[in-house]
C-alpha atoms as a PDB file:
ATOM      1  CA  MET A   1       0.000   0.000   0.000  1.00  0.00           C
ATOM      2  CA  ASN A   2       1.183   3.499  -0.824  1.00  0.00           C
ATOM      3  CA  ARG A   3       2.208   5.686   2.131  1.00  0.00           C
ATOM      4  CA  ARG A   4      -0.118   8.482   0.931  1.00  0.00           C
ATOM      5  CA  HIS A   5      -3.167   6.262   1.260  1.00  0.00           C
ATOM      6  CA  TYR A   6      -1.923   5.056   4.644  1.00  0.00           C
ATOM      7  CA  ILE A   7      -1.583   8.602   6.070  1.00  0.00           C
ATOM      8  CA  LEU A   8      -5.210   9.676   5.543  1.00  0.00           C
ATOM      9  CA  ARG A   9      -7.384   7.375   7.652  1.00  0.00           C
ATOM     10  CA  THR A  10     -10.906   8.818   7.449  1.00  0.00           C
ATOM     11  CA  PRO A  11     -12.587  12.180   6.984  1.00  0.00           C
ATOM     12  CA  VAL A  12     -13.977  13.637  10.212  1.00  0.00           C
ATOM     13  CA  ILE A  13     -17.622  14.475   9.589  1.00  0.00           C
ATOM     14  CA  THR A  14     -19.033  16.449  12.491  1.00  0.00           C
ATOM     15  CA  GLU A  15     -21.053  19.638  12.837  1.00  0.00           C
ATOM     16  CA  LYS A  16     -17.881  21.667  13.389  1.00  0.00           C
ATOM     17  CA  SER A  17     -16.063  20.180  10.392  1.00  0.00           C
ATOM     18  CA  THR A  18     -19.117  20.727   8.164  1.00  0.00           C
ATOM     19  CA  ASN A  19     -19.222  24.412   9.142  1.00  0.00           C
ATOM     20  CA  LEU A  20     -15.486  24.742   8.442  1.00  0.00           C
ATOM     21  CA  LYS A  21     -15.929  23.073   5.074  1.00  0.00           C
ATOM     22  CA  GLU A  22     -18.758  25.387   4.006  1.00  0.00           C
ATOM     23  CA  GLY A  23     -17.313  28.634   5.357  1.00  0.00           C
ATOM     24  CA  ASN A  24     -13.532  28.375   5.296  1.00  0.00           C
ATOM     25  CA  ARG A  25     -12.672  25.775   2.606  1.00  0.00           C
ATOM     26  CA  THR A  26     -11.212  23.604   5.406  1.00  0.00           C
ATOM     27  CA  LEU A  27     -11.401  19.798   5.562  1.00  0.00           C
ATOM     28  CA  ALA A  28     -10.795  17.614   8.609  1.00  0.00           C
ATOM     29  CA  PHE A  29      -9.115  14.203   8.427  1.00  0.00           C
ATOM     30  CA  ARG A  30      -8.154  11.576  10.969  1.00  0.00           C
ATOM     31  CA  VAL A  31      -4.502  10.826  10.169  1.00  0.00           C
ATOM     32  CA  VAL A  32      -1.686   8.540  11.307  1.00  0.00           C
ATOM     33  CA  ARG A  33      -0.024   9.780  14.498  1.00  0.00           C
ATOM     34  CA  ASP A  34       3.507   9.896  13.049  1.00  0.00           C
ATOM     35  CA  ALA A  35       2.532  11.885   9.916  1.00  0.00           C
ATOM     36  CA  ASN A  36       3.841  15.438   9.637  1.00  0.00           C
ATOM     37  CA  LYS A  37       2.265  18.445   7.890  1.00  0.00           C
ATOM     38  CA  ILE A  38       4.327  18.049   4.706  1.00  0.00           C
ATOM     39  CA  GLU A  39       3.277  14.405   4.283  1.00  0.00           C
ATOM     40  CA  ILE A  40      -0.384  15.273   4.937  1.00  0.00           C
ATOM     41  CA  LYS A  41      -0.281  18.111   2.392  1.00  0.00           C
ATOM     42  CA  ASP A  42       1.335  15.866  -0.220  1.00  0.00           C
ATOM     43  CA  ALA A  43      -1.199  13.074   0.382  1.00  0.00           C
ATOM     44  CA  VAL A  44      -4.239  15.360   0.007  1.00  0.00           C
ATOM     45  CA  GLU A  45      -2.830  17.026  -3.128  1.00  0.00           C
ATOM     46  CA  LYS A  46      -1.983  13.731  -4.855  1.00  0.00           C
ATOM     47  CA  ILE A  47      -5.103  11.737  -3.871  1.00  0.00           C
ATOM     48  CA  PHE A  48      -7.755  14.433  -4.446  1.00  0.00           C
ATOM     49  CA  LYS A  49      -5.864  16.488  -7.107  1.00  0.00           C
ATOM     50  CA  VAL A  50      -6.306  19.857  -5.369  1.00  0.00           C
ATOM     51  CA  LYS A  51      -3.910  22.554  -4.133  1.00  0.00           C
ATOM     52  CA  VAL A  52      -3.488  22.910  -0.362  1.00  0.00           C
ATOM     53  CA  GLU A  53      -2.870  26.282   1.271  1.00  0.00           C
ATOM     54  CA  SER A  54      -2.135  25.179   4.854  1.00  0.00           C
ATOM     55  CA  VAL A  55      -2.295  22.243   7.260  1.00  0.00           C
ATOM     56  CA  ARG A  56      -2.953  22.361  11.007  1.00  0.00           C
ATOM     57  CA  THR A  57      -2.697  19.307  13.239  1.00  0.00           C
ATOM     58  CA  ALA A  58      -4.046  18.427  16.660  1.00  0.00           C
ATOM     59  CA  ASN A  59      -3.170  15.460  18.890  1.00  0.00           C
ATOM     60  CA  PHE A  60      -5.877  13.851  21.011  1.00  0.00           C
ATOM     61  CA  HIS A  61      -5.384  11.565  23.984  1.00  0.00           C
ATOM     62  CA  GLY A  62      -7.497   8.436  24.200  1.00  0.00           C
ATOM     63  CA  LYS A  63     -10.244   8.392  26.786  1.00  0.00           C
ATOM     64  CA  LYS A  64     -10.274   6.025  29.747  1.00  0.00           C
ATOM     65  CA  ARG A  65     -13.181   3.593  29.502  1.00  0.00           C
ATOM     66  CA  ARG A  66     -14.423   0.889  31.799  1.00  0.00           C
ATOM     67  CA  GLN A  67     -16.880  -1.939  31.589  1.00  0.00           C
ATOM     68  CA  GLY A  68     -17.778  -3.296  34.960  1.00  0.00           C
ATOM     69  CA  ARG A  69     -14.623  -3.759  36.979  1.00  0.00           C
ATOM     70  CA  TYR A  70     -12.352  -3.801  33.904  1.00  0.00           C
ATOM     71  CA  SER A  71     -10.805  -0.558  32.737  1.00  0.00           C
ATOM     72  CA  GLY A  72      -8.931   0.304  29.578  1.00  0.00           C
ATOM     73  CA  ARG A  73      -8.001   3.118  27.242  1.00  0.00           C
ATOM     74  CA  ARG A  74      -8.892   4.088  23.738  1.00  0.00           C
ATOM     75  CA  PRO A  75      -5.886   4.800  21.526  1.00  0.00           C
ATOM     76  CA  ASP A  76      -4.421   8.287  21.043  1.00  0.00           C
ATOM     77  CA  TRP A  77      -5.113   9.838  17.622  1.00  0.00           C
ATOM     78  CA  LYS A  78      -4.325  12.826  15.441  1.00  0.00           C
ATOM     79  CA  LYS A  79      -6.566  15.166  13.437  1.00  0.00           C
ATOM     80  CA  ALA A  80      -5.487  17.353  10.508  1.00  0.00           C
ATOM     81  CA  TYR A  81      -7.289  20.482   9.314  1.00  0.00           C
ATOM     82  CA  VAL A  82      -6.471  21.054   5.628  1.00  0.00           C
ATOM     83  CA  THR A  83      -7.275  24.433   4.047  1.00  0.00           C
ATOM     84  CA  LEU A  84      -7.626  24.489   0.258  1.00  0.00           C
ATOM     85  CA  LYS A  85      -6.398  27.368  -1.912  1.00  0.00           C
ATOM     86  CA  GLN A  86      -8.834  29.944  -3.263  1.00  0.00           C
ATOM     87  CA  GLY A  87     -10.576  28.748  -6.418  1.00  0.00           C
ATOM     88  CA  GLU A  88     -10.049  25.021  -5.793  1.00  0.00           C
ATOM     89  CA  LYS A  89     -13.017  22.670  -6.119  1.00  0.00           C
ATOM     90  CA  MET A  90     -14.258  21.442  -2.726  1.00  0.00           C
ATOM     91  CA  ILE A  91     -13.938  17.724  -2.081  1.00  0.00           C
ATOM     92  CA  GLU A  92     -17.268  15.937  -1.645  1.00  0.00           C
ATOM     93  CA  PHE A  93     -17.055  12.689   0.297  1.00  0.00           C
ATOM     94  CA  PHE A  94     -20.536  11.380  -0.598  1.00  0.00           C
ATOM     95  CA  GLU A  95     -20.772  12.160  -4.314  1.00  0.00           C
ATOM     96  CA  THR A  96     -21.731   8.627  -5.330  1.00  0.00           C
ATOM     97  CA  ALA A  97     -24.316   8.052  -2.578  1.00  0.00           C
END
């Protein structure tokens, strides 16, 4: 598998990310924890064939969860906010649905 396809895990589709997409040309992706901004930018540009203006990243710590007397943790994860350049076509995730 190509590293570019490995870096971008899933798009984050929430109310906040939808508002960012409509107002600021910004997309949110769940990415691999060891990916840097340059790799994320390259992956989005090559996979979706658009030009990226900037990339912001945020690390999230996994929550502690318990079921009965057993406790555990969800894994840590990373989110990337990708802003597209002016004039670029917005990526639609559900075009075929």
